[in-house]
Amino acid sequence: MAVDNKVRGVGHEVAGHPWFHRLARVGLGARGLLYLLIGWLALQIAFGNGGQEADRKGALVVVADKPGGKIILWVMAIGFAALALWQFAESRYGRPVPDGDKPRKRLSSAARGAVYAVGCAATVAFLLGSPASSSDKQSKALTARAMEQPGGRWLIFAVAAGFVVWGVAMLVKAARRKFLRDLKTGGMSRTAYRVVQTVGIVGHSARGLVAIAAGALFGYAAAEYQPDKAQGVDGTLREFADTPAGPWGLVAVAIGVLIFGLYSFCEARYRKVEAVHPTR
C-alpha cells in the first residue's frame, strides 16, 4: 500500500511539472500540423491535384519529402508521445475541469491516450523505414478480418455506432461551445476569445461530420457484408465529393479540417494541461 502511494505521489508530481505541460503543448502543436496537412491534401484532391492520400500516411510522406522533414517528424513523434502521456495522466489523476475526476471523463482521456500512442508508434515506424499503410487499406483489412470471425459483423456495427456517437458529440460540443471549458479563457483578449471560439466551432463541426460519415460507411460495409465499403480518413473525405454539392462538399469539409488544425494551435497556447483535478 505504501509503495502504491509512493508511486502515485511520484506520478502526480511528474504530471504537475511545468516541463510535462510544455511537452503536452508541443503535442497539441504536432496535432495541429497533422490536421493542416490532411486538410491541405484534401483540398488538392478536391481540385484534381491529389497525389497523396489525405490521411496520416499522406501527411508523413509530404513532410518527409521536405528539407528538414525528418527532424519535423521526430518532433511530431515526441509530441504525440507527450499527448499520450498527458491523456493517460488525466485518466489517472483527473482532468483540470469541473467533474474532471468522473469515470466517464477518465475513460475518454484513456481512449485519447491510446489513439495518440498509436499515432506516435506509426510515426516512429515510418521514420525507421517501415512503409506507411493508408487508412483506407487498414480499415478494409480490419473490417474483412473482423467479418471472418463469429459475431464480427456486429463488432463492425458497434464500431460504426461509436463513430456516429462520437461525431454527434463533436457537433454538440461545437454548438454548445463546450470546448471552451478546456481552455484558459481568462487569459484571452476579447479578440483572441472570438477567434478561438469561431475556429473551435468550425473545426469541431468538421471533425464531427467526418466521424459520422466514417461511421455510416462502416455501417454500410457491415450491412452489405462488403468490407471494401469501409473507409479510412482519406476515403471518407473523398465521399464528400460524391454528395450533391460535388467537389465543393469536399472543399468545405477540407477547410473545416484545416481550421481544426488552427484550433489545435490555439489549444497549444490556451489549453488547461495540468492533468490534475483542481480539488485534489
Protein backbone atom coordinates (compact mmCIF):
# COMPACT_ATOMS: atom_id res chain seq x y z
CA MET A 1 0.00 0.00 0.00
CA ALA A 2 2.86 2.34 0.92
CA VAL A 3 4.61 1.54 -2.36
CA ASP A 4 1.41 2.25 -4.30
CA ASN A 5 1.02 5.60 -2.56
CA LYS A 6 4.67 6.45 -3.29
CA VAL A 7 4.28 5.59 -6.98
CA ARG A 8 1.07 7.61 -7.12
CA GLY A 9 2.82 10.54 -5.50
CA VAL A 10 5.71 10.44 -7.98
CA GLY A 11 3.29 10.20 -10.92
CA HIS A 12 1.25 13.08 -9.52
CA GLU A 13 4.42 15.17 -9.21
CA VAL A 14 5.50 14.41 -12.78
CA ALA A 15 2.03 15.21 -14.15
CA GLY A 16 2.18 18.57 -12.41
CA HIS A 17 5.69 19.50 -13.61
CA PRO A 18 5.95 22.54 -15.93
CA TRP A 19 8.05 20.56 -18.44
CA PHE A 20 5.31 17.95 -18.68
CA HIS A 21 2.89 20.76 -19.50
CA ARG A 22 5.24 22.19 -22.14
CA LEU A 23 5.59 18.81 -23.82
CA ALA A 24 1.80 18.45 -23.91
CA ARG A 25 1.59 21.81 -25.69
CA VAL A 26 4.20 20.66 -28.19
CA GLY A 27 1.98 17.64 -28.81
CA LEU A 28 -1.05 19.82 -29.45
CA GLY A 29 1.03 21.77 -31.96
CA ALA A 30 2.04 18.49 -33.64
CA ARG A 31 -1.63 17.50 -33.86
CA GLY A 32 -2.37 20.88 -35.42
CA LEU A 33 0.30 20.36 -38.08
CA LEU A 34 -1.11 16.92 -38.90
CA TYR A 35 -4.62 18.31 -39.40
CA LEU A 36 -3.31 21.18 -41.51
CA LEU A 37 -1.55 18.71 -43.79
CA ILE A 38 -4.57 16.42 -44.09
CA GLY A 39 -6.84 19.38 -44.83
CA TRP A 40 -4.40 20.67 -47.46
CA LEU A 41 -4.16 17.25 -49.12
CA ALA A 42 -7.97 17.00 -49.16
CA LEU A 43 -8.14 20.39 -50.90
CA GLN A 44 -5.68 19.15 -53.52
CA ILE A 45 -7.91 16.13 -54.14
CA ALA A 46 -10.99 18.35 -54.45
CA PHE A 47 -9.30 20.43 -57.15
CA GLY A 48 -7.98 17.39 -59.00
CA ASN A 49 -4.36 17.71 -57.90
CA GLY A 50 -4.26 14.94 -55.32
CA GLY A 51 -1.15 12.78 -55.45
CA GLN A 52 -1.17 11.67 -51.80
CA GLU A 53 -3.89 10.23 -49.60
CA ALA A 54 -5.49 12.77 -47.29
CA ASP A 55 -4.64 10.89 -44.10
CA ARG A 56 -1.74 10.29 -41.71
CA LYS A 57 0.28 8.38 -44.33
CA GLY A 58 -0.03 11.16 -46.88
CA ALA A 59 0.90 13.78 -44.29
CA LEU A 60 4.01 11.85 -43.22
CA VAL A 61 5.17 11.42 -46.82
CA VAL A 62 4.67 15.12 -47.58
CA VAL A 63 6.68 16.22 -44.54
CA ALA A 64 9.43 13.64 -45.12
CA ASP A 65 9.98 14.93 -48.67
CA LYS A 66 10.70 18.49 -47.47
CA PRO A 67 14.09 19.83 -46.30
CA GLY A 68 14.40 19.08 -42.61
CA GLY A 69 11.33 16.88 -42.84
CA LYS A 70 12.78 14.04 -40.78
CA ILE A 71 13.52 16.44 -37.93
CA ILE A 72 9.95 17.73 -38.03
CA LEU A 73 8.63 14.16 -37.97
CA TRP A 74 10.75 13.31 -34.92
CA VAL A 75 9.36 16.40 -33.18
CA MET A 76 5.86 15.24 -34.14
CA ALA A 77 6.56 11.76 -32.76
CA ILE A 78 7.75 13.25 -29.48
CA GLY A 79 4.69 15.47 -29.45
CA PHE A 80 2.31 12.53 -29.93
CA ALA A 81 4.13 10.63 -27.16
CA ALA A 82 3.66 13.65 -24.91
CA LEU A 83 -0.03 13.82 -25.81
CA ALA A 84 -0.44 10.14 -24.96
CA LEU A 85 1.28 10.55 -21.57
CA TRP A 86 -0.76 13.66 -20.85
CA GLN A 87 -4.04 11.91 -21.58
CA PHE A 88 -3.03 8.86 -19.53
CA ALA A 89 -2.17 11.24 -16.68
CA GLU A 90 -5.63 12.79 -16.97
CA SER A 91 -7.20 9.32 -16.87
CA ARG A 92 -5.20 8.57 -13.71
CA TYR A 93 -5.46 11.85 -11.81
CA GLY A 94 -8.46 13.58 -13.37
CA ARG A 95 -8.89 16.47 -15.78
CA PRO A 96 -8.44 20.09 -14.60
CA VAL A 97 -12.10 20.94 -15.23
CA PRO A 98 -15.30 20.67 -13.17
CA ASP A 99 -16.21 16.98 -12.63
CA GLY A 100 -12.86 16.10 -14.22
CA ASP A 101 -12.45 13.08 -11.95
CA LYS A 102 -15.64 11.34 -13.09
CA PRO A 103 -15.17 7.86 -14.63
CA ARG A 104 -16.59 8.93 -18.00
CA LYS A 105 -14.06 11.71 -18.39
CA ARG A 106 -11.21 9.49 -17.21
CA LEU A 107 -12.21 6.81 -19.72
CA SER A 108 -12.36 9.30 -22.59
CA SER A 109 -8.88 10.55 -21.65
CA ALA A 110 -7.57 6.97 -21.66
CA ALA A 111 -9.10 6.37 -25.11
CA ARG A 112 -7.48 9.53 -26.50
CA GLY A 113 -4.20 8.48 -24.94
CA ALA A 114 -4.37 5.17 -26.78
CA VAL A 115 -5.06 6.95 -30.10
CA TYR A 116 -2.10 9.29 -29.62
CA ALA A 117 0.13 6.36 -28.63
CA VAL A 118 -0.77 4.62 -31.90
CA GLY A 119 -0.03 7.84 -33.79
CA CYS A 120 3.37 8.09 -32.11
CA ALA A 121 4.19 4.45 -32.89
CA ALA A 122 3.15 4.86 -36.54
CA THR A 123 5.30 7.97 -36.94
CA VAL A 124 8.34 6.33 -35.36
CA ALA A 125 7.88 3.20 -37.51
CA PHE A 126 7.74 5.39 -40.63
CA LEU A 127 10.93 7.20 -39.57
CA LEU A 128 12.67 3.86 -39.03
CA GLY A 129 11.86 2.74 -42.56
CA SER A 130 8.60 0.84 -42.20
CA PRO A 131 6.29 1.60 -45.14
CA ALA A 132 3.21 3.51 -44.04
CA SER A 133 -0.16 1.99 -44.88
CA SER A 134 -3.08 4.16 -45.91
CA SER A 135 -6.02 4.47 -43.54
CA ASP A 136 -8.32 3.07 -46.25
CA LYS A 137 -6.32 -0.16 -46.60
CA GLN A 138 -6.14 -0.57 -42.84
CA SER A 139 -9.89 -0.05 -42.45
CA LYS A 140 -10.73 -2.53 -45.21
CA ALA A 141 -8.30 -5.16 -43.88
CA LEU A 142 -9.51 -4.89 -40.29
CA THR A 143 -13.17 -4.98 -41.38
CA ALA A 144 -12.58 -8.07 -43.54
CA ARG A 145 -10.72 -9.81 -40.72
CA ALA A 146 -13.47 -8.99 -38.24
CA MET A 147 -16.21 -10.29 -40.54
CA GLU A 148 -14.44 -13.63 -40.77
CA GLN A 149 -14.97 -14.12 -37.03
CA PRO A 150 -18.22 -15.17 -35.29
CA GLY A 151 -20.10 -12.02 -34.39
CA GLY A 152 -17.62 -9.93 -36.35
CA ARG A 153 -20.36 -8.20 -38.29
CA TRP A 154 -21.87 -6.92 -35.06
CA LEU A 155 -18.48 -5.70 -33.94
CA ILE A 156 -18.29 -3.58 -37.09
CA PHE A 157 -21.78 -2.26 -36.37
CA ALA A 158 -20.55 -1.33 -32.89
CA VAL A 159 -17.55 0.48 -34.39
CA ALA A 160 -19.87 2.30 -36.78
CA ALA A 161 -22.13 3.33 -33.92
CA GLY A 162 -19.10 4.52 -31.96
CA PHE A 163 -18.02 6.79 -34.79
CA VAL A 164 -21.52 8.20 -35.20
CA VAL A 165 -21.94 8.83 -31.46
CA TRP A 166 -18.52 10.49 -31.27
CA GLY A 167 -19.33 12.60 -34.32
CA VAL A 168 -22.64 13.75 -32.85
CA ALA A 169 -20.83 14.56 -29.60
CA MET A 170 -18.40 16.74 -31.59
CA LEU A 171 -21.30 18.59 -33.22
CA VAL A 172 -22.93 19.15 -29.83
CA LYS A 173 -19.60 20.27 -28.41
CA ALA A 174 -19.31 22.80 -31.23
CA ALA A 175 -22.91 24.03 -30.98
CA ARG A 176 -22.79 24.43 -27.20
CA ARG A 177 -19.20 25.73 -27.23
CA LYS A 178 -18.27 23.13 -24.61
CA PHE A 179 -14.67 23.07 -25.85
CA LEU A 180 -14.17 26.45 -24.17
CA ARG A 181 -14.32 24.71 -20.77
CA ASP A 182 -10.94 23.13 -21.51
CA LEU A 183 -9.31 26.47 -22.27
CA LYS A 184 -7.89 29.24 -20.10
CA THR A 185 -10.33 31.80 -21.44
CA GLY A 186 -9.48 34.21 -18.66
CA GLY A 187 -6.06 34.74 -20.24
CA MET A 188 -7.50 35.67 -23.65
CA SER A 189 -8.11 39.13 -25.00
CA ARG A 190 -11.58 39.83 -26.38
CA THR A 191 -10.34 39.41 -29.95
CA ALA A 192 -8.50 36.18 -29.14
CA TYR A 193 -11.62 34.79 -27.46
CA ARG A 194 -13.74 35.48 -30.53
CA VAL A 195 -11.18 33.95 -32.88
CA VAL A 196 -10.69 30.83 -30.75
CA GLN A 197 -14.45 30.40 -30.36
CA THR A 198 -15.02 30.68 -34.11
CA VAL A 199 -12.26 28.27 -35.20
CA GLY A 200 -13.31 25.89 -32.42
CA ILE A 201 -16.91 25.78 -33.63
CA VAL A 202 -15.95 25.25 -37.28
CA GLY A 203 -13.16 22.78 -36.53
CA HIS A 204 -15.14 20.59 -34.17
CA SER A 205 -18.10 20.60 -36.57
CA ALA A 206 -15.85 19.37 -39.40
CA ARG A 207 -14.45 16.59 -37.20
CA GLY A 208 -17.99 15.60 -36.27
CA LEU A 209 -19.15 15.40 -39.88
CA VAL A 210 -16.13 13.29 -40.89
CA ALA A 211 -16.69 10.92 -37.96
CA ILE A 212 -20.39 10.49 -38.77
CA ALA A 213 -19.56 9.83 -42.43
CA ALA A 214 -16.95 7.24 -41.42
CA GLY A 215 -19.48 5.55 -39.15
CA ALA A 216 -22.04 5.44 -41.93
CA LEU A 217 -19.51 3.78 -44.26
CA PHE A 218 -18.58 1.16 -41.65
CA GLY A 219 -22.28 0.51 -41.02
CA TYR A 220 -22.93 0.08 -44.75
CA ALA A 221 -19.98 -2.32 -45.02
CA ALA A 222 -21.40 -4.45 -42.20
CA ALA A 223 -24.97 -4.35 -43.51
CA GLU A 224 -23.93 -5.40 -47.02
CA TYR A 225 -21.16 -7.83 -45.95
CA GLN A 226 -18.76 -5.79 -48.09
CA PRO A 227 -15.54 -4.94 -46.22
CA ASP A 228 -14.35 -2.82 -49.17
CA LYS A 229 -17.07 -0.29 -48.35
CA ALA A 230 -15.30 0.60 -45.09
CA GLN A 231 -13.09 3.67 -45.46
CA GLY A 232 -10.37 5.44 -43.53
CA VAL A 233 -9.86 9.18 -43.33
CA ASP A 234 -8.89 9.56 -46.99
CA GLY A 235 -11.78 7.54 -48.38
CA THR A 236 -14.26 9.19 -46.04
CA LEU A 237 -13.18 12.65 -47.11
CA ARG A 238 -13.44 11.68 -50.79
CA GLU A 239 -17.05 10.59 -50.20
CA PHE A 240 -17.98 14.23 -49.60
CA ALA A 241 -17.12 14.91 -53.24
CA ASP A 242 -19.90 12.47 -54.22
CA THR A 243 -22.60 14.44 -52.41
CA PRO A 244 -24.97 16.75 -54.34
CA ALA A 245 -22.52 19.58 -53.57
CA GLY A 246 -19.88 17.80 -55.67
CA PRO A 247 -16.22 18.72 -55.13
CA TRP A 248 -17.33 21.78 -53.19
CA GLY A 249 -18.63 19.47 -50.47
CA LEU A 250 -15.10 18.12 -50.07
CA VAL A 251 -13.70 21.67 -50.22
CA ALA A 252 -15.98 22.75 -47.37
CA VAL A 253 -15.01 19.80 -45.16
CA ALA A 254 -11.31 20.17 -46.05
CA ILE A 255 -11.40 23.80 -44.98
CA GLY A 256 -13.05 22.68 -41.74
CA VAL A 257 -10.22 20.20 -41.15
CA LEU A 258 -7.68 22.94 -41.83
CA ILE A 259 -9.45 25.17 -39.34
CA PHE A 260 -9.35 22.43 -36.70
CA GLY A 261 -5.60 22.37 -37.27
CA LEU A 262 -5.55 26.08 -36.48
CA TYR A 263 -7.71 25.45 -33.42
CA SER A 264 -5.14 22.89 -32.22
CA PHE A 265 -2.52 25.65 -32.23
CA CYS A 266 -4.93 27.74 -30.14
CA GLU A 267 -5.15 24.81 -27.73
CA ALA A 268 -1.36 24.64 -27.62
CA ARG A 269 -1.50 28.19 -26.26
CA TYR A 270 -4.57 28.14 -24.04
CA ARG A 271 -5.42 24.51 -23.14
CA LYS A 272 -5.52 23.52 -19.48
CA VAL A 273 -2.83 20.85 -19.43
CA GLU A 274 -2.24 20.41 -15.71
CA ALA A 275 -3.73 16.89 -15.87
CA VAL A 276 -4.64 17.11 -12.19
CA HIS A 277 -8.19 17.69 -10.97
CA PRO A 278 -8.42 21.04 -9.11
CA THR A 279 -9.97 19.54 -5.99
CA ARG A 280 -7.02 17.24 -5.46
